[in-house]
PDB file of N, CA and C in Angstrom:
ATOM      1  N   MET A   1      -2.900   0.833  15.504  1.00  0.00           N
ATOM      2  CA  MET A   1      -1.994   1.471  14.596  1.00  0.00           C
ATOM      3  C   MET A   1      -1.014   0.421  14.065  1.00  0.00           C
ATOM      4  N   LEU A   2      -0.559   0.607  12.871  1.00  0.00           N
ATOM      5  CA  LEU A   2       0.367  -0.344  12.276  1.00  0.00           C
ATOM      6  C   LEU A   2       1.717  -0.294  12.966  1.00  0.00           C
ATOM      7  N   LYS A   3       2.373  -1.422  13.021  1.00  0.00           N
ATOM      8  CA  LYS A   3       3.669  -1.488  13.688  1.00  0.00           C
ATOM      9  C   LYS A   3       4.769  -0.829  12.867  1.00  0.00           C
ATOM     10  N   LYS A   4       4.674  -0.888  11.562  1.00  0.00           N
ATOM     11  CA  LYS A   4       5.702  -0.309  10.708  1.00  0.00           C
ATOM     12  C   LYS A   4       5.036   0.583   9.672  1.00  0.00           C
ATOM     13  N   THR A   5       5.530   1.772   9.518  1.00  0.00           N
ATOM     14  CA  THR A   5       4.969   2.714   8.567  1.00  0.00           C
ATOM     15  C   THR A   5       5.493   2.414   7.171  1.00  0.00           C
ATOM     16  N   ILE A   6       4.588   2.388   6.201  1.00  0.00           N
ATOM     17  CA  ILE A   6       4.973   2.205   4.808  1.00  0.00           C
ATOM     18  C   ILE A   6       4.928   3.571   4.152  1.00  0.00           C
ATOM     19  N   THR A   7       6.041   4.003   3.613  1.00  0.00           N
ATOM     20  CA  THR A   7       6.094   5.310   2.975  1.00  0.00           C
ATOM     21  C   THR A   7       6.475   5.159   1.516  1.00  0.00           C
ATOM     22  N   ALA A   8       5.982   6.074   0.711  1.00  0.00           N
ATOM     23  CA  ALA A   8       6.317   6.074  -0.709  1.00  0.00           C
ATOM     24  C   ALA A   8       7.548   6.936  -0.916  1.00  0.00           C
ATOM     25  N   VAL A   9       8.675   6.319  -0.899  1.00  0.00           N
ATOM     26  CA  VAL A   9       9.938   7.017  -1.099  1.00  0.00           C
ATOM     27  C   VAL A   9      10.519   6.525  -2.413  1.00  0.00           C
ATOM     28  N   SER A  10      10.793   7.437  -3.314  1.00  0.00           N
ATOM     29  CA  SER A  10      11.236   7.042  -4.649  1.00  0.00           C
ATOM     30  C   SER A  10      12.571   6.322  -4.654  1.00  0.00           C
ATOM     31  N   LYS A  11      13.344   6.428  -3.578  1.00  0.00           N
ATOM     32  CA  LYS A  11      14.642   5.761  -3.534  1.00  0.00           C
ATOM     33  C   LYS A  11      14.596   4.425  -2.797  1.00  0.00           C
ATOM     34  N   SER A  12      13.442   4.034  -2.278  1.00  0.00           N
ATOM     35  CA  SER A  12      13.350   2.762  -1.566  1.00  0.00           C
ATOM     36  C   SER A  12      13.506   1.604  -2.552  1.00  0.00           C
ATOM     37  N   ASP A  13      13.919   0.457  -2.044  1.00  0.00           N
ATOM     38  CA  ASP A  13      14.084  -0.726  -2.900  1.00  0.00           C
ATOM     39  C   ASP A  13      12.780  -1.095  -3.593  1.00  0.00           C
ATOM     40  N   LEU A  14      11.677  -1.022  -2.854  1.00  0.00           N
ATOM     41  CA  LEU A  14      10.382  -1.384  -3.419  1.00  0.00           C
ATOM     42  C   LEU A  14       9.977  -0.416  -4.526  1.00  0.00           C
ATOM     43  N   ALA A  15      10.155   0.877  -4.293  1.00  0.00           N
ATOM     44  CA  ALA A  15       9.807   1.875  -5.306  1.00  0.00           C
ATOM     45  C   ALA A  15      10.655   1.692  -6.556  1.00  0.00           C
ATOM     46  N   GLN A  16      11.915   1.381  -6.378  1.00  0.00           N
ATOM     47  CA  GLN A  16      12.800   1.160  -7.528  1.00  0.00           C
ATOM     48  C   GLN A  16      12.360  -0.066  -8.326  1.00  0.00           C
ATOM     49  N   ALA A  17      11.911  -1.108  -7.633  1.00  0.00           N
ATOM     50  CA  ALA A  17      11.428  -2.309  -8.324  1.00  0.00           C
ATOM     51  C   ALA A  17      10.179  -1.994  -9.132  1.00  0.00           C
ATOM     52  N   PHE A  18       9.246  -1.245  -8.548  1.00  0.00           N
ATOM     53  CA  PHE A  18       8.029  -0.868  -9.272  1.00  0.00           C
ATOM     54  C   PHE A  18       8.380  -0.033 -10.496  1.00  0.00           C
ATOM     55  N   LYS A  19       9.307   0.885 -10.322  1.00  0.00           N
ATOM     56  CA  LYS A  19       9.706   1.749 -11.435  1.00  0.00           C
ATOM     57  C   LYS A  19      10.356   0.921 -12.543  1.00  0.00           C
ATOM     58  N   LYS A  20      11.237   0.016 -12.173  1.00  0.00           N
ATOM     59  CA  LYS A  20      11.929  -0.820 -13.157  1.00  0.00           C
ATOM     60  C   LYS A  20      10.941  -1.690 -13.929  1.00  0.00           C
ATOM     61  N   LEU A  21       9.952  -2.206 -13.231  1.00  0.00           N
ATOM     62  CA  LEU A  21       8.947  -3.053 -13.867  1.00  0.00           C
ATOM     63  C   LEU A  21       7.843  -2.243 -14.536  1.00  0.00           C
ATOM     64  N   ASP A  22       7.869  -0.920 -14.334  1.00  0.00           N
ATOM     65  CA  ASP A  22       6.877  -0.001 -14.891  1.00  0.00           C
ATOM     66  C   ASP A  22       5.457  -0.407 -14.487  1.00  0.00           C
ATOM     67  N   ASN A  23       5.284  -0.719 -13.198  1.00  0.00           N
ATOM     68  CA  ASN A  23       3.958  -1.138 -12.742  1.00  0.00           C
ATOM     69  C   ASN A  23       3.472  -0.372 -11.519  1.00  0.00           C
ATOM     70  N   ILE A  24       3.910   0.869 -11.357  1.00  0.00           N
ATOM     71  CA  ILE A  24       3.455   1.674 -10.227  1.00  0.00           C
ATOM     72  C   ILE A  24       1.941   1.871 -10.289  1.00  0.00           C
ATOM     73  N   ASP A  25       1.405   2.140 -11.479  1.00  0.00           N
ATOM     74  CA  ASP A  25      -0.038   2.330 -11.616  1.00  0.00           C
ATOM     75  C   ASP A  25      -0.801   1.052 -11.284  1.00  0.00           C
ATOM     76  N   TRP A  26      -0.241  -0.096 -11.643  1.00  0.00           N
ATOM     77  CA  TRP A  26      -0.875  -1.374 -11.346  1.00  0.00           C
ATOM     78  C   TRP A  26      -0.996  -1.579  -9.841  1.00  0.00           C
ATOM     79  N   VAL A  27       0.060  -1.257  -9.116  1.00  0.00           N
ATOM     80  CA  VAL A  27       0.051  -1.396  -7.660  1.00  0.00           C
ATOM     81  C   VAL A  27      -0.967  -0.442  -7.054  1.00  0.00           C
ATOM     82  N   LYS A  28      -0.964   0.807  -7.491  1.00  0.00           N
ATOM     83  CA  LYS A  28      -1.907   1.806  -6.970  1.00  0.00           C
ATOM     84  C   LYS A  28      -3.348   1.376  -7.250  1.00  0.00           C
ATOM     85  N   HIS A  29      -3.615   0.924  -8.458  1.00  0.00           N
ATOM     86  CA  HIS A  29      -4.963   0.500  -8.833  1.00  0.00           C
ATOM     87  C   HIS A  29      -5.411  -0.698  -7.992  1.00  0.00           C
ATOM     88  N   GLY A  30      -4.516  -1.665  -7.809  1.00  0.00           N
ATOM     89  CA  GLY A  30      -4.848  -2.837  -7.002  1.00  0.00           C
ATOM     90  C   GLY A  30      -5.160  -2.475  -5.562  1.00  0.00           C
ATOM     91  N   LEU A  31      -4.385  -1.562  -5.008  1.00  0.00           N
ATOM     92  CA  LEU A  31      -4.619  -1.122  -3.635  1.00  0.00           C
ATOM     93  C   LEU A  31      -5.960  -0.410  -3.519  1.00  0.00           C
ATOM     94  N   GLU A  32      -6.282   0.446  -4.492  1.00  0.00           N
ATOM     95  CA  GLU A  32      -7.574   1.142  -4.468  1.00  0.00           C
ATOM     96  C   GLU A  32      -8.729   0.152  -4.537  1.00  0.00           C
ATOM     97  N   LEU A  33      -8.614  -0.863  -5.396  1.00  0.00           N
ATOM     98  CA  LEU A  33      -9.668  -1.879  -5.497  1.00  0.00           C
ATOM     99  C   LEU A  33      -9.815  -2.647  -4.190  1.00  0.00           C
ATOM    100  N   TYR A  34      -8.704  -3.002  -3.577  1.00  0.00           N
ATOM    101  CA  TYR A  34      -8.742  -3.733  -2.317  1.00  0.00           C
ATOM    102  C   TYR A  34      -9.427  -2.899  -1.242  1.00  0.00           C
ATOM    103  N   LEU A  35      -9.068  -1.626  -1.152  1.00  0.00           N
ATOM    104  CA  LEU A  35      -9.633  -0.776  -0.108  1.00  0.00           C
ATOM    105  C   LEU A  35     -11.119  -0.514  -0.322  1.00  0.00           C
ATOM    106  N   GLN A  36     -11.610  -0.658  -1.555  1.00  0.00           N
ATOM    107  CA  GLN A  36     -13.047  -0.539  -1.790  1.00  0.00           C
ATOM    108  C   GLN A  36     -13.782  -1.719  -1.158  1.00  0.00           C
ATOM    109  N   LYS A  37     -13.136  -2.870  -1.102  1.00  0.00           N
ATOM    110  CA  LYS A  37     -13.755  -4.076  -0.547  1.00  0.00           C
ATOM    111  C   LYS A  37     -13.577  -4.186   0.961  1.00  0.00           C
ATOM    112  N   ASP A  38     -12.432  -3.751   1.466  1.00  0.00           N
ATOM    113  CA  ASP A  38     -12.142  -3.899   2.895  1.00  0.00           C
ATOM    114  C   ASP A  38     -11.321  -2.711   3.373  1.00  0.00           C
ATOM    115  N   LYS A  39     -12.005  -1.741   3.955  1.00  0.00           N
ATOM    116  CA  LYS A  39     -11.324  -0.536   4.431  1.00  0.00           C
ATOM    117  C   LYS A  39     -10.856  -0.677   5.875  1.00  0.00           C
ATOM    118  N   GLN A  40     -11.034  -1.852   6.460  1.00  0.00           N
ATOM    119  CA  GLN A  40     -10.702  -2.014   7.865  1.00  0.00           C
ATOM    120  C   GLN A  40      -9.411  -2.779   8.104  1.00  0.00           C
ATOM    121  N   HIS A  41      -8.853  -3.411   7.063  1.00  0.00           N
ATOM    122  CA  HIS A  41      -7.639  -4.214   7.245  1.00  0.00           C
ATOM    123  C   HIS A  41      -6.593  -3.862   6.192  1.00  0.00           C
ATOM    124  N   CYS A  42      -5.366  -3.825   6.609  1.00  0.00           N
ATOM    125  CA  CYS A  42      -4.240  -3.574   5.708  1.00  0.00           C
ATOM    126  C   CYS A  42      -4.108  -4.764   4.757  1.00  0.00           C
ATOM    127  N   PRO A  43      -3.993  -4.529   3.443  1.00  0.00           N
ATOM    128  CA  PRO A  43      -3.876  -5.645   2.506  1.00  0.00           C
ATOM    129  C   PRO A  43      -2.542  -6.373   2.610  1.00  0.00           C
ATOM    130  N   PHE A  44      -1.574  -5.782   3.271  1.00  0.00           N
ATOM    131  CA  PHE A  44      -0.248  -6.377   3.352  1.00  0.00           C
ATOM    132  C   PHE A  44      -0.052  -7.180   4.634  1.00  0.00           C
ATOM    133  N   CYS A  45      -0.487  -6.628   5.771  1.00  0.00           N
ATOM    134  CA  CYS A  45      -0.230  -7.309   7.053  1.00  0.00           C
ATOM    135  C   CYS A  45      -1.513  -7.767   7.743  1.00  0.00           C
ATOM    136  N   GLN A  46      -2.662  -7.396   7.210  1.00  0.00           N
ATOM    137  CA  GLN A  46      -3.972  -7.768   7.733  1.00  0.00           C
ATOM    138  C   GLN A  46      -4.295  -7.168   9.101  1.00  0.00           C
ATOM    139  N   GLN A  47      -3.525  -6.189   9.541  1.00  0.00           N
ATOM    140  CA  GLN A  47      -3.856  -5.514  10.793  1.00  0.00           C
ATOM    141  C   GLN A  47      -5.000  -4.538  10.540  1.00  0.00           C
ATOM    142  N   GLN A  48      -5.723  -4.242  11.591  1.00  0.00           N
ATOM    143  CA  GLN A  48      -6.831  -3.323  11.483  1.00  0.00           C
ATOM    144  C   GLN A  48      -6.319  -1.908  11.215  1.00  0.00           C
ATOM    145  N   ILE A  49      -6.973  -1.201  10.283  1.00  0.00           N
ATOM    146  CA  ILE A  49      -6.616   0.174   9.951  1.00  0.00           C
ATOM    147  C   ILE A  49      -7.534   1.098  10.740  1.00  0.00           C
ATOM    148  N   THR A  50      -6.952   2.060  11.427  1.00  0.00           N
ATOM    149  CA  THR A  50      -7.758   3.010  12.181  1.00  0.00           C
ATOM    150  C   THR A  50      -8.407   4.006  11.225  1.00  0.00           C
ATOM    151  N   LYS A  51      -9.449   4.674  11.677  1.00  0.00           N
ATOM    152  CA  LYS A  51     -10.148   5.653  10.844  1.00  0.00           C
ATOM    153  C   LYS A  51      -9.213   6.753  10.359  1.00  0.00           C
ATOM    154  N   GLN A  52      -8.188   7.038  11.132  1.00  0.00           N
ATOM    155  CA  GLN A  52      -7.224   8.072  10.769  1.00  0.00           C
ATOM    156  C   GLN A  52      -6.541   7.752   9.432  1.00  0.00           C
ATOM    157  N   TYR A  53      -6.338   6.475   9.133  1.00  0.00           N
ATOM    158  CA  TYR A  53      -5.612   6.076   7.934  1.00  0.00           C
ATOM    159  C   TYR A  53      -6.497   5.533   6.826  1.00  0.00           C
ATOM    160  N   SER A  54      -7.763   5.346   7.082  1.00  0.00           N
ATOM    161  CA  SER A  54      -8.628   4.770   6.051  1.00  0.00           C
ATOM    162  C   SER A  54      -9.224   5.824   5.152  1.00  0.00           C
TER     163      SER A  54
END
């Protein structure tokens, strides 16, 4: 299991940056493409993703 949970909260600093840059769809699309290639590792921390989260 991942050590830190990543949540999509509209008030988080990261969410605000995506909104300001108007690239939320770009991030979502990139993550979907990554997960098509490797569903076993987190693209951010490279830890193994359990079946529960994949």
